[in-house]
Every structure is written in C-alpha cells, then in structure tokens.
C-alpha cells in the first residue's frame, strides 16, 4: 500500500498526526498524536495499543519490562484484544488468537457513524481468517478495529465484527486493559458495587460484591456481569482517575496477579504487579451470537483525569 496516500487522505488539513513506522521485528507501528500532545502507539501485531501518553509524556498504560514483542507471542501490557474467547475453553488458545495475529491496515472501511472521527488521529485495522485459522476456528468473519485519539486526549477503540460466512457463530471478547498505577495498594475501583461476579479463582462461582469500592490486598480475577457503562479507577498517590466508558460490552474483568502468580509469569517482573491493574470492557458471560450477514459493534473509551 502507499503509506503517503494513506496519511494525506486521513490527515489533510488537520493538526492531528498519524505516522507509520516499523518496529524491530518489521511489523507496522502506528503513532497517533493530537494537537495537545497526547499520543498513542498501536501495533499491527494483535491490533494492540502499546502506549497511551498524556500531554506531559506520562505513560498511562502498563507494559512489562519483560514483555516479549516478537510475534506470535502477545505483548504483556497495553490493551491486548481477547477474541474469539476470553480465558481457556476448548481447543482455542487462552484468550483467543486475535492478539497474536498480524492485522492489516483497512484502507476502505465501511462508513462508521462517529462524531469524534473527523479531524482526529485514528487508524483503521482489519483481521480476517486465513485458511489455517479456519482449521482452528471454522468461521468466516471480518473484525474491523478503529483506534482513535480524541482532541482532549481520550483513547477510543471501536470494534465491528461481521459474520461473512454461511453459519451462525458465537464469540466472547475483552479489551484487556493494563492501566499504569503508582501502587496497587493505593488503587480503588468504583462502579461495581452490589454487582454479581464470576470468580475465576473459585471455579467461576458466582458471588455478589459487598464493598463500597473494590480495593486490593490479594490476587483478584473476576468477571463482573451486567456492569454499568462507566467505571472509575482511582489512583490516590498519582491523584489520577481513569474513566472507562463502554457500549456493547456488558461485563467488566478485574485482574491483578499479586505476588505469587506474578513470580510465575515469565514475561512479567516479580514486583510489577504493583504497578498495574487490569479493568476490561468485555462481553463474556453471555457470548455474542451472529447470524450470517449480522454485525456487532462494541465501543470502549478511556480518559485520564486529575483527581483530588
């Protein structure tokens, strides 16, 4: 493809910039920047957001110092996309295969009604199954992903998954977002009070959240079902609040491996569990089913605000 034509079409007469380079493995790396100085980096390896920085250049997403960036291994950090499943089930690998595949730049995406898309920095990507993929998951689909940096620095991910085959299929999905925090003991998550959750540490047994806010003193691995459209992650030490807004994603995953499990994760530092919390917009409890020709859309918006 002609990268120059792509850039001129997308960025003509705007101050936002989109730059495409290669990483050390030869994979396209897309850098988005808005006029205020916010930036994001997206790799076509997994269609994964690797970095999101504020106007002061502070990194808002966690990425492990031991992360393996060589395909097909998924990168530990940023926002891996878990599709067509979250967790372990059947013959598919954990969290599905989308995060391990090389996506392509989508030069001709169908119209997307998005009031924030004009004159903003964004990239459209596309994942389609190969014949080898069909042997593992025998369904024909088009997965379109737009990653967009708004004028005020919010990060948006808009997914559209269409069934282009001849039979019904179902999937689950999660944006496995690793937020960068000062210390996990200084973090609380609000918006999940009184909700039921499936506890992956207790064989997916169903419990009800009892606290006024979720705080962390040990390993947590939960799927909160029927969660609200807005969830807040408060970092007391950094005086920063992450707001998670989501549509089409009824569930929320909350995960931190804590000390013991972190030491068993080869691509994560022993103490790095302290610097991150995963809070995902997701659709897990009730898989999404698409008939031939049907399309599903999910939207995630992340913003970082100062808090008192």
Protein backbone atom coordinates (compact mmCIF):
# COMPACT_ATOMS: atom_id res chain seq x y z
CA UNK A 1 0.00 0.00 0.00
CA UNK A 2 1.01 3.63 -0.44
CA UNK A 3 1.59 4.92 3.08
CA UNK A 4 1.89 8.52 1.93
CA UNK A 5 -1.52 8.43 0.29
CA UNK A 6 -2.98 6.92 3.46
CA UNK A 7 -1.56 9.72 5.58
CA UNK A 8 -2.59 12.50 3.25
CA UNK A 9 -6.15 11.20 2.99
CA UNK A 10 -6.53 10.82 6.73
CA UNK A 11 -4.70 13.90 7.96
CA UNK A 12 -5.24 16.54 5.30
CA UNK A 13 -5.93 19.96 6.85
CA UNK A 14 -5.71 18.68 10.43
CA UNK A 15 -3.25 19.19 13.24
CA UNK A 16 -3.55 15.60 14.43
CA UNK A 17 -0.88 13.29 13.04
CA UNK A 18 -0.70 9.62 12.11
CA UNK A 19 2.74 8.15 11.47
CA UNK A 20 3.51 4.60 10.38
CA UNK A 21 6.94 3.10 11.02
CA UNK A 22 8.34 -0.40 11.56
CA UNK A 23 9.23 -1.96 14.88
CA UNK A 24 12.37 -4.07 15.38
CA UNK A 25 10.51 -7.12 14.08
CA UNK A 26 9.44 -5.38 10.87
CA UNK A 27 5.80 -5.01 11.96
CA UNK A 28 3.93 -1.77 11.26
CA UNK A 29 3.75 0.52 14.28
CA UNK A 30 1.25 3.38 14.15
CA UNK A 31 1.75 6.54 16.23
CA UNK A 32 -1.23 8.83 16.82
CA UNK A 33 -0.77 12.33 18.22
CA UNK A 34 -3.25 15.12 18.87
CA UNK A 35 -2.56 18.88 18.94
CA UNK A 36 -2.41 18.93 22.76
CA UNK A 37 0.48 16.44 22.82
CA UNK A 38 -1.38 13.26 23.80
CA UNK A 39 -0.16 10.22 21.89
CA UNK A 40 -0.83 6.54 21.37
CA UNK A 41 1.05 3.71 19.69
CA UNK A 42 -0.70 0.81 18.02
CA UNK A 43 0.95 -2.31 16.64
CA UNK A 44 -0.47 -4.34 13.78
CA UNK A 45 0.76 -7.31 15.81
CA UNK A 46 -2.52 -8.09 17.54
CA UNK A 47 -4.07 -4.72 16.64
CA UNK A 48 -2.76 -3.88 20.10
CA UNK A 49 -2.45 -0.46 21.71
CA UNK A 50 1.02 -0.49 23.30
CA UNK A 51 1.22 3.05 24.64
CA UNK A 52 -1.05 5.96 25.61
CA UNK A 53 0.61 9.10 26.93
CA UNK A 54 -0.78 12.36 28.26
CA UNK A 55 0.31 15.84 27.22
CA UNK A 56 3.23 15.69 29.67
CA UNK A 57 4.53 12.48 28.13
CA UNK A 58 3.50 10.33 31.11
CA UNK A 59 2.66 6.74 30.20
CA UNK A 60 -0.91 5.81 31.16
CA UNK A 61 -0.71 2.12 30.24
CA UNK A 62 1.48 -0.51 31.86
CA UNK A 63 3.90 -2.58 29.81
CA UNK A 64 6.10 -5.18 31.43
CA UNK A 65 9.87 -4.75 31.30
CA UNK A 66 9.99 -8.44 30.39
CA UNK A 67 7.35 -8.24 27.64
CA UNK A 68 8.05 -10.34 24.55
CA UNK A 69 7.35 -8.24 21.46
CA UNK A 70 8.26 -10.85 18.85
CA UNK A 71 5.27 -12.37 17.03
CA UNK A 72 3.36 -14.55 17.55
CA UNK A 73 3.66 -14.07 21.32
CA UNK A 74 1.25 -11.47 22.70
CA UNK A 75 2.76 -8.42 24.42
CA UNK A 76 2.31 -8.25 28.20
CA UNK A 77 0.77 -4.82 28.66
CA UNK A 78 -1.12 -2.16 26.75
CA UNK A 79 -4.51 -3.33 25.50
CA UNK A 80 -4.48 -6.87 24.08
CA UNK A 81 -7.72 -7.85 22.34
CA UNK A 82 -9.10 -11.18 23.53
CA UNK A 83 -11.17 -12.73 20.71
CA UNK A 84 -12.98 -15.05 19.97
CA UNK A 85 -12.82 -16.13 23.61
CA UNK A 86 -11.68 -14.92 27.00
CA UNK A 87 -9.99 -17.48 29.23
CA UNK A 88 -9.44 -21.15 28.43
CA UNK A 89 -12.05 -23.18 26.62
CA UNK A 90 -11.97 -25.97 24.08
CA UNK A 91 -9.11 -26.22 21.60
CA UNK A 92 -8.51 -22.47 21.26
CA UNK A 93 -5.52 -20.89 22.99
CA UNK A 94 -6.06 -18.82 26.11
CA UNK A 95 -7.84 -15.53 25.32
CA UNK A 96 -8.18 -16.48 21.64
CA UNK A 97 -5.93 -15.75 18.69
CA UNK A 98 -6.65 -12.15 17.65
CA UNK A 99 -3.88 -10.76 19.90
CA UNK A 100 -1.31 -13.00 18.20
CA UNK A 101 -2.18 -12.29 14.55
CA UNK A 102 -0.74 -9.67 12.23
CA UNK A 103 -3.59 -7.34 11.30
CA UNK A 104 -3.70 -5.22 8.16
CA UNK A 105 -4.43 -1.55 7.70
CA UNK A 106 -8.00 -1.13 6.48
CA UNK A 107 -7.84 1.40 3.65
CA UNK A 108 -11.52 1.26 2.76
CA UNK A 109 -13.58 0.75 5.91
CA UNK A 110 -17.38 0.98 5.64
CA UNK A 111 -18.86 4.24 6.95
CA UNK A 112 -18.68 4.49 10.73
CA UNK A 113 -21.00 6.97 12.39
CA UNK A 114 -18.66 8.58 14.89
CA UNK A 115 -18.98 12.25 15.82
CA UNK A 116 -15.38 12.31 17.05
CA UNK A 117 -13.76 10.81 13.97
CA UNK A 118 -13.49 13.90 11.79
CA UNK A 119 -10.19 15.78 12.09
CA UNK A 120 -8.89 13.35 14.73
CA UNK A 121 -5.93 10.97 14.76
CA UNK A 122 -7.11 7.42 14.11
CA UNK A 123 -6.16 4.19 12.40
CA UNK A 124 -8.42 1.50 10.93
CA UNK A 125 -7.30 -2.12 11.05
CA UNK A 126 -8.75 -5.36 9.75
CA UNK A 127 -8.43 -9.01 10.73
CA UNK A 128 -9.77 -11.83 8.55
CA UNK A 129 -9.24 -15.58 8.99
CA UNK A 130 -6.64 -17.43 6.96
CA UNK A 131 -7.22 -20.97 5.80
CA UNK A 132 -5.01 -22.13 8.67
CA UNK A 133 -7.15 -20.16 11.10
CA UNK A 134 -10.27 -21.85 9.73
CA UNK A 135 -8.92 -25.22 10.85
CA UNK A 136 -8.81 -23.92 14.44
CA UNK A 137 -12.00 -21.82 14.45
CA UNK A 138 -14.07 -22.63 11.32
CA UNK A 139 -15.94 -19.35 10.93
CA UNK A 140 -15.66 -16.59 8.36
CA UNK A 141 -15.64 -13.10 9.79
CA UNK A 142 -14.31 -9.58 9.35
CA UNK A 143 -13.05 -7.88 12.50
CA UNK A 144 -12.63 -4.15 11.97
CA UNK A 145 -10.99 -2.05 14.67
CA UNK A 146 -10.63 1.71 14.82
CA UNK A 147 -8.25 3.19 17.41
CA UNK A 148 -8.81 6.91 17.83
CA UNK A 149 -7.20 9.66 19.89
CA UNK A 150 -9.65 12.48 20.56
CA UNK A 151 -8.82 16.18 20.77
CA UNK A 152 -9.00 16.05 24.59
CA UNK A 153 -6.72 13.00 24.80
CA UNK A 154 -9.27 10.23 25.31
CA UNK A 155 -8.48 6.88 23.71
CA UNK A 156 -11.30 5.15 21.82
CA UNK A 157 -11.45 1.62 20.45
CA UNK A 158 -14.37 0.78 18.20
CA UNK A 159 -14.77 -2.85 17.12
CA UNK A 160 -17.07 -4.19 14.43
CA UNK A 161 -17.30 -7.92 13.88
CA UNK A 162 -19.32 -9.21 10.91
CA UNK A 163 -20.31 -12.74 10.06
CA UNK A 164 -19.49 -13.16 6.35
CA UNK A 165 -19.94 -16.94 6.40
CA UNK A 166 -22.95 -19.20 5.94
CA UNK A 167 -23.48 -20.37 9.53
CA UNK A 168 -24.09 -18.85 12.95
CA UNK A 169 -21.14 -18.37 15.28
CA UNK A 170 -20.67 -17.08 18.84
CA UNK A 171 -17.75 -15.33 20.49
CA UNK A 172 -16.67 -13.54 23.63
CA UNK A 173 -14.39 -10.52 23.67
CA UNK A 174 -12.42 -8.35 26.10
CA UNK A 175 -10.20 -5.28 25.81
CA UNK A 176 -7.65 -6.47 28.38
CA UNK A 177 -6.53 -3.01 29.51
CA UNK A 178 -3.40 -2.74 31.68
CA UNK A 179 -3.57 0.64 33.43
CA UNK A 180 -0.37 2.10 34.87
CA UNK A 181 -0.76 2.89 38.57
CA UNK A 182 1.53 4.08 41.36
CA UNK A 183 0.92 1.08 43.63
CA UNK A 184 -1.95 -1.40 43.56
CA UNK A 185 -2.49 -0.87 47.29
CA UNK A 186 -3.33 2.79 46.53
CA UNK A 187 -6.00 1.96 43.93
CA UNK A 188 -9.74 1.60 44.19
CA UNK A 189 -12.31 0.74 41.51
CA UNK A 190 -15.80 2.26 41.70
CA UNK A 191 -18.93 1.38 39.78
CA UNK A 192 -19.01 -2.34 40.54
CA UNK A 193 -20.76 -2.13 43.93
CA UNK A 194 -23.55 -4.70 44.58
CA UNK A 195 -22.85 -6.45 41.25
CA UNK A 196 -22.60 -10.19 40.79
CA UNK A 197 -19.25 -11.50 39.63
CA UNK A 198 -17.82 -14.81 38.44
CA UNK A 199 -14.69 -15.60 40.44
CA UNK A 200 -12.06 -17.31 38.30
CA UNK A 201 -10.12 -18.16 41.47
CA UNK A 202 -13.11 -20.24 42.66
CA UNK A 203 -14.09 -22.17 39.51
CA UNK A 204 -16.21 -19.30 38.17
CA UNK A 205 -18.51 -19.46 41.19
CA UNK A 206 -20.93 -16.54 41.39
CA UNK A 207 -20.64 -14.02 44.23
CA UNK A 208 -22.02 -10.54 44.95
CA UNK A 209 -19.69 -7.58 45.53
CA UNK A 210 -20.16 -6.32 49.09
CA UNK A 211 -17.79 -3.36 49.35
CA UNK A 212 -18.45 0.30 48.60
CA UNK A 213 -15.41 0.18 46.29
CA UNK A 214 -13.04 -2.54 45.17
CA UNK A 215 -9.59 -2.35 46.77
CA UNK A 216 -6.69 -4.77 46.52
CA UNK A 217 -4.86 -6.81 49.12
CA UNK A 218 -4.50 -10.13 47.27
CA UNK A 219 -4.93 -11.72 43.83
CA UNK A 220 -8.13 -10.77 42.01
CA UNK A 221 -9.54 -12.42 38.86
CA UNK A 222 -13.22 -11.63 38.38
CA UNK A 223 -15.82 -11.06 35.68
CA UNK A 224 -18.44 -8.54 36.86
CA UNK A 225 -21.64 -9.15 34.93
CA UNK A 226 -24.11 -6.51 33.84
CA UNK A 227 -21.69 -3.74 34.77
CA UNK A 228 -22.51 -0.03 34.22
CA UNK A 229 -21.44 1.98 31.20
CA UNK A 230 -18.95 3.99 33.29
CA UNK A 231 -16.36 2.59 35.72
CA UNK A 232 -13.77 4.62 37.63
CA UNK A 233 -10.24 3.58 38.58
CA UNK A 234 -8.81 5.91 41.24
CA UNK A 235 -5.07 6.15 41.91
CA UNK A 236 -4.67 8.03 45.20
CA UNK A 237 -0.92 8.51 45.05
CA UNK A 238 -0.84 9.85 41.49
CA UNK A 239 -4.08 11.78 42.08
CA UNK A 240 -5.35 10.39 38.78
CA UNK A 241 -8.68 8.89 37.80
CA UNK A 242 -9.20 6.65 34.80
CA UNK A 243 -12.74 6.66 33.45
CA UNK A 244 -13.85 3.67 31.41
CA UNK A 245 -16.89 4.22 29.20
CA UNK A 246 -18.24 1.28 27.22
CA UNK A 247 -21.06 0.30 24.88
CA UNK A 248 -21.96 -3.19 23.72
CA UNK A 249 -19.70 -4.58 26.45
CA UNK A 250 -21.94 -5.60 29.36
CA UNK A 251 -19.24 -7.17 31.54
CA UNK A 252 -16.06 -5.95 33.23
CA UNK A 253 -12.99 -8.03 34.03
CA UNK A 254 -10.84 -7.02 37.00
CA UNK A 255 -7.45 -8.73 37.31
CA UNK A 256 -4.25 -8.42 39.29
CA UNK A 257 -1.99 -11.48 39.74
CA UNK A 258 -0.46 -10.35 43.05
CA UNK A 259 2.91 -11.53 44.27
CA UNK A 260 2.83 -15.32 43.98
CA UNK A 261 1.33 -15.55 40.50
CA UNK A 262 3.41 -12.62 39.20
CA UNK A 263 6.56 -14.60 40.01
CA UNK A 264 5.23 -17.49 37.93
CA UNK A 265 4.53 -15.29 34.87
CA UNK A 266 7.67 -15.43 32.74
CA UNK A 267 7.04 -12.17 30.86
CA UNK A 268 6.30 -10.11 33.97
CA UNK A 269 8.69 -8.81 36.62
CA UNK A 270 8.28 -10.20 40.14
CA UNK A 271 7.22 -6.84 41.60
CA UNK A 272 5.47 -5.38 38.54
CA UNK A 273 2.05 -6.48 39.75
CA UNK A 274 2.22 -3.41 41.99
CA UNK A 275 2.28 -1.04 39.01
CA UNK A 276 -0.80 -2.25 37.14
CA UNK A 277 -4.47 -3.09 37.35
CA UNK A 278 -6.48 -4.61 34.51
CA UNK A 279 -10.06 -3.41 34.16
CA UNK A 280 -11.58 -4.61 30.89
CA UNK A 281 -14.68 -3.76 28.94
CA UNK A 282 -15.92 -7.19 27.91
CA UNK A 283 -18.72 -9.48 26.74
CA UNK A 284 -18.10 -12.83 28.41
CA UNK A 285 -20.97 -14.27 30.47
CA UNK A 286 -23.35 -14.36 27.51
CA UNK A 287 -21.40 -14.89 24.25
CA UNK A 288 -22.43 -12.75 21.29
CA UNK A 289 -24.12 -14.72 18.53
CA UNK A 290 -24.09 -13.55 14.90
CA UNK A 291 -26.17 -14.96 12.08
CA UNK A 292 -24.78 -14.77 8.52
CA UNK A 293 -24.60 -11.11 7.50
CA UNK A 294 -25.04 -9.75 11.02
CA UNK A 295 -22.59 -7.33 12.65
CA UNK A 296 -21.78 -6.49 16.26
CA UNK A 297 -20.29 -3.18 17.43
CA UNK A 298 -18.53 -2.53 20.71
CA UNK A 299 -17.03 0.74 21.92
CA UNK A 300 -14.53 1.48 24.67
CA UNK A 301 -13.41 4.98 25.67
CA UNK A 302 -10.64 5.63 28.18
CA UNK A 303 -9.87 9.01 29.70
CA UNK A 304 -7.43 10.10 32.41
CA UNK A 305 -8.40 12.97 34.69
CA UNK A 306 -6.76 14.64 37.67
CA UNK A 307 -8.44 13.78 40.99
CA UNK A 308 -8.19 15.42 44.39
